[in-house]
């Protein structure tokens, strides 16, 4: 994909890895606790976010869901370049039921990492995520 000025519309600048555990209530609401590793190579910035999430399934059909999720937590810095900060997230996604309790998740998320001393005291990013859940 390119824009009118022959520059790429989407430029990857980071990689995120996430793992968590949680519980779903009555197939509509889920709470989870998560951790991960973020690396933004254009800033040479690494972080370890730990956060809680609230997920609401907007629709559900035969174990396939469309959902929205909000997250809040703490972002721990690996290096001494910046202090620890806060982590915020908001996203939408779909969960596609799979075989034997494995489900595929595709999501689009907005992340904000509050970092005092960084540009505008924050690092914002949008991510396209592909993952799996096991129930």
C-alpha atoms as a PDB file:
ATOM      1  CA  UNK A   1       0.000   0.000   0.000  1.00  0.00           C
ATOM      2  CA  UNK A   2       1.376   3.404  -0.921  1.00  0.00           C
ATOM      3  CA  UNK A   3       0.182   6.998  -0.581  1.00  0.00           C
ATOM      4  CA  UNK A   4       0.099   9.657  -3.283  1.00  0.00           C
ATOM      5  CA  UNK A   5       3.714  10.623  -2.543  1.00  0.00           C
ATOM      6  CA  UNK A   6       4.995   7.042  -3.076  1.00  0.00           C
ATOM      7  CA  UNK A   7       5.620   6.448   0.640  1.00  0.00           C
ATOM      8  CA  UNK A   8       4.341   3.392   2.444  1.00  0.00           C
ATOM      9  CA  UNK A   9       1.033   3.910   4.247  1.00  0.00           C
ATOM     10  CA  UNK A  10       1.902   1.382   6.954  1.00  0.00           C
ATOM     11  CA  UNK A  11       5.397   1.334   8.429  1.00  0.00           C
ATOM     12  CA  UNK A  12       6.063  -1.351  11.081  1.00  0.00           C
ATOM     13  CA  UNK A  13       7.969   0.166  14.015  1.00  0.00           C
ATOM     14  CA  UNK A  14       7.533  -2.285  16.882  1.00  0.00           C
ATOM     15  CA  UNK A  15       6.861  -5.851  17.923  1.00  0.00           C
ATOM     16  CA  UNK A  16       4.737  -6.854  20.921  1.00  0.00           C
ATOM     17  CA  UNK A  17       4.495 -10.202  22.682  1.00  0.00           C
ATOM     18  CA  UNK A  18       1.657 -10.818  25.162  1.00  0.00           C
ATOM     19  CA  UNK A  19       0.622 -13.621  27.510  1.00  0.00           C
ATOM     20  CA  UNK A  20      -2.138 -13.647  30.092  1.00  0.00           C
ATOM     21  CA  UNK A  21      -4.787 -15.529  31.967  1.00  0.00           C
ATOM     22  CA  UNK A  22      -8.377 -14.662  32.723  1.00  0.00           C
ATOM     23  CA  UNK A  23     -11.934 -15.777  33.180  1.00  0.00           C
ATOM     24  CA  UNK A  24     -15.041 -15.250  31.041  1.00  0.00           C
ATOM     25  CA  UNK A  25     -18.367 -14.662  32.783  1.00  0.00           C
ATOM     26  CA  UNK A  26     -21.570 -15.889  31.086  1.00  0.00           C
ATOM     27  CA  UNK A  27     -19.964 -15.698  27.601  1.00  0.00           C
ATOM     28  CA  UNK A  28     -20.255 -11.897  27.639  1.00  0.00           C
ATOM     29  CA  UNK A  29     -17.633 -10.346  29.950  1.00  0.00           C
ATOM     30  CA  UNK A  30     -14.028 -11.390  30.587  1.00  0.00           C
ATOM     31  CA  UNK A  31     -11.389 -10.158  33.024  1.00  0.00           C
ATOM     32  CA  UNK A  32      -7.726 -10.973  32.517  1.00  0.00           C
ATOM     33  CA  UNK A  33      -4.257 -10.212  33.834  1.00  0.00           C
ATOM     34  CA  UNK A  34      -1.510  -9.905  31.252  1.00  0.00           C
ATOM     35  CA  UNK A  35       2.172  -9.262  30.763  1.00  0.00           C
ATOM     36  CA  UNK A  36       4.385  -8.897  27.783  1.00  0.00           C
ATOM     37  CA  UNK A  37       7.388  -7.468  26.044  1.00  0.00           C
ATOM     38  CA  UNK A  38       7.382  -4.477  23.663  1.00  0.00           C
ATOM     39  CA  UNK A  39      10.251  -3.381  21.480  1.00  0.00           C
ATOM     40  CA  UNK A  40      10.046  -0.168  19.423  1.00  0.00           C
ATOM     41  CA  UNK A  41      13.102  -0.320  17.166  1.00  0.00           C
ATOM     42  CA  UNK A  42      12.769   3.220  15.810  1.00  0.00           C
ATOM     43  CA  UNK A  43      13.288   4.530  19.375  1.00  0.00           C
ATOM     44  CA  UNK A  44      15.439   1.613  20.632  1.00  0.00           C
ATOM     45  CA  UNK A  45      12.939   1.371  23.487  1.00  0.00           C
ATOM     46  CA  UNK A  46      12.043  -1.849  25.311  1.00  0.00           C
ATOM     47  CA  UNK A  47       9.293  -2.201  27.898  1.00  0.00           C
ATOM     48  CA  UNK A  48       7.510  -4.855  29.938  1.00  0.00           C
ATOM     49  CA  UNK A  49       3.828  -3.960  30.355  1.00  0.00           C
ATOM     50  CA  UNK A  50       1.773  -5.641  33.089  1.00  0.00           C
ATOM     51  CA  UNK A  51      -1.918  -4.838  33.030  1.00  0.00           C
ATOM     52  CA  UNK A  52      -5.483  -5.887  33.634  1.00  0.00           C
ATOM     53  CA  UNK A  53      -8.088  -6.053  30.871  1.00  0.00           C
ATOM     54  CA  UNK A  54     -11.854  -5.869  30.692  1.00  0.00           C
ATOM     55  CA  UNK A  55     -13.330  -7.492  27.592  1.00  0.00           C
ATOM     56  CA  UNK A  56     -16.947  -7.217  26.462  1.00  0.00           C
ATOM     57  CA  UNK A  57     -18.286  -9.548  23.768  1.00  0.00           C
ATOM     58  CA  UNK A  58     -20.535  -7.409  21.575  1.00  0.00           C
ATOM     59  CA  UNK A  59     -21.826 -10.409  19.633  1.00  0.00           C
ATOM     60  CA  UNK A  60     -21.455 -14.150  20.057  1.00  0.00           C
ATOM     61  CA  UNK A  61     -22.483 -16.847  17.584  1.00  0.00           C
ATOM     62  CA  UNK A  62     -21.528 -20.503  18.118  1.00  0.00           C
ATOM     63  CA  UNK A  63     -18.388 -19.547  20.094  1.00  0.00           C
ATOM     64  CA  UNK A  64     -17.286 -16.920  17.521  1.00  0.00           C
ATOM     65  CA  UNK A  65     -17.246 -13.446  19.086  1.00  0.00           C
ATOM     66  CA  UNK A  66     -16.744  -9.804  18.176  1.00  0.00           C
ATOM     67  CA  UNK A  67     -15.427  -7.869  21.169  1.00  0.00           C
ATOM     68  CA  UNK A  68     -14.053  -4.646  22.561  1.00  0.00           C
ATOM     69  CA  UNK A  69     -11.403  -4.510  25.275  1.00  0.00           C
ATOM     70  CA  UNK A  70      -9.853  -1.886  27.537  1.00  0.00           C
ATOM     71  CA  UNK A  71      -6.604  -2.288  29.493  1.00  0.00           C
ATOM     72  CA  UNK A  72      -4.792  -0.412  32.219  1.00  0.00           C
ATOM     73  CA  UNK A  73      -1.586  -1.157  34.057  1.00  0.00           C
ATOM     74  CA  UNK A  74       2.069  -0.452  34.652  1.00  0.00           C
ATOM     75  CA  UNK A  75       4.859  -0.297  32.092  1.00  0.00           C
ATOM     76  CA  UNK A  76       8.275  -1.319  33.369  1.00  0.00           C
ATOM     77  CA  UNK A  77      11.352  -0.059  31.566  1.00  0.00           C
ATOM     78  CA  UNK A  78      14.245  -2.411  30.929  1.00  0.00           C
ATOM     79  CA  UNK A  79      16.797   0.339  30.319  1.00  0.00           C
ATOM     80  CA  UNK A  80      17.526   3.508  32.278  1.00  0.00           C
ATOM     81  CA  UNK A  81      16.711   5.842  29.354  1.00  0.00           C
ATOM     82  CA  UNK A  82      13.259   6.660  30.770  1.00  0.00           C
ATOM     83  CA  UNK A  83      11.427   5.975  34.021  1.00  0.00           C
ATOM     84  CA  UNK A  84       8.661   3.383  34.441  1.00  0.00           C
ATOM     85  CA  UNK A  85       5.249   4.581  33.325  1.00  0.00           C
ATOM     86  CA  UNK A  86       1.599   3.712  32.868  1.00  0.00           C
ATOM     87  CA  UNK A  87       0.093   1.506  30.187  1.00  0.00           C
ATOM     88  CA  UNK A  88      -3.307   2.061  28.551  1.00  0.00           C
ATOM     89  CA  UNK A  89      -4.968   0.099  25.776  1.00  0.00           C
ATOM     90  CA  UNK A  90      -8.214  -0.027  23.834  1.00  0.00           C
ATOM     91  CA  UNK A  91      -9.144  -2.334  21.001  1.00  0.00           C
ATOM     92  CA  UNK A  92     -11.622  -4.348  19.006  1.00  0.00           C
ATOM     93  CA  UNK A  93     -11.293  -7.851  17.704  1.00  0.00           C
ATOM     94  CA  UNK A  94     -12.815 -11.140  16.783  1.00  0.00           C
ATOM     95  CA  UNK A  95     -12.350 -14.598  18.232  1.00  0.00           C
ATOM     96  CA  UNK A  96     -12.903 -17.502  15.866  1.00  0.00           C
ATOM     97  CA  UNK A  97     -13.748 -20.825  17.493  1.00  0.00           C
ATOM     98  CA  UNK A  98     -11.342 -23.609  16.652  1.00  0.00           C
ATOM     99  CA  UNK A  99     -10.939 -27.285  17.247  1.00  0.00           C
ATOM    100  CA  UNK A 100     -10.521 -28.759  20.718  1.00  0.00           C
ATOM    101  CA  UNK A 101     -10.807 -25.481  22.646  1.00  0.00           C
ATOM    102  CA  UNK A 102      -8.111 -23.544  20.694  1.00  0.00           C
ATOM    103  CA  UNK A 103      -9.446 -20.232  19.365  1.00  0.00           C
ATOM    104  CA  UNK A 104      -7.880 -17.759  16.920  1.00  0.00           C
ATOM    105  CA  UNK A 105      -7.956 -14.056  17.840  1.00  0.00           C
ATOM    106  CA  UNK A 106      -7.518 -11.180  15.384  1.00  0.00           C
ATOM    107  CA  UNK A 107      -7.510  -7.680  16.866  1.00  0.00           C
ATOM    108  CA  UNK A 108      -6.763  -4.003  16.272  1.00  0.00           C
ATOM    109  CA  UNK A 109      -5.510  -2.085  19.332  1.00  0.00           C
ATOM    110  CA  UNK A 110      -4.456   1.405  20.345  1.00  0.00           C
ATOM    111  CA  UNK A 111      -1.692   1.462  22.990  1.00  0.00           C
ATOM    112  CA  UNK A 112      -0.486   4.419  25.026  1.00  0.00           C
ATOM    113  CA  UNK A 113       2.601   4.142  27.165  1.00  0.00           C
ATOM    114  CA  UNK A 114       2.992   7.067  29.560  1.00  0.00           C
ATOM    115  CA  UNK A 115       6.729   7.802  29.736  1.00  0.00           C
ATOM    116  CA  UNK A 116       7.860  10.973  31.508  1.00  0.00           C
ATOM    117  CA  UNK A 117      10.623  12.614  29.485  1.00  0.00           C
ATOM    118  CA  UNK A 118       9.641  10.966  26.205  1.00  0.00           C
ATOM    119  CA  UNK A 119       8.141  12.970  23.297  1.00  0.00           C
ATOM    120  CA  UNK A 120       4.930  14.523  24.735  1.00  0.00           C
ATOM    121  CA  UNK A 121       5.477  12.201  27.756  1.00  0.00           C
ATOM    122  CA  UNK A 122       3.938   9.249  25.898  1.00  0.00           C
ATOM    123  CA  UNK A 123       4.471   6.681  23.181  1.00  0.00           C
ATOM    124  CA  UNK A 124       1.324   5.900  21.180  1.00  0.00           C
ATOM    125  CA  UNK A 125       0.951   3.007  18.774  1.00  0.00           C
ATOM    126  CA  UNK A 126      -1.663   1.074  16.839  1.00  0.00           C
ATOM    127  CA  UNK A 127      -1.192  -2.647  16.476  1.00  0.00           C
ATOM    128  CA  UNK A 128      -2.668  -5.467  14.451  1.00  0.00           C
ATOM    129  CA  UNK A 129      -2.558  -8.597  16.556  1.00  0.00           C
ATOM    130  CA  UNK A 130      -2.949 -12.257  15.773  1.00  0.00           C
ATOM    131  CA  UNK A 131      -3.088 -14.684  18.654  1.00  0.00           C
ATOM    132  CA  UNK A 132      -4.611 -17.725  20.236  1.00  0.00           C
ATOM    133  CA  UNK A 133      -6.602 -18.523  23.329  1.00  0.00           C
ATOM    134  CA  UNK A 134      -7.166 -21.809  25.041  1.00  0.00           C
ATOM    135  CA  UNK A 135     -10.313 -22.446  27.089  1.00  0.00           C
END
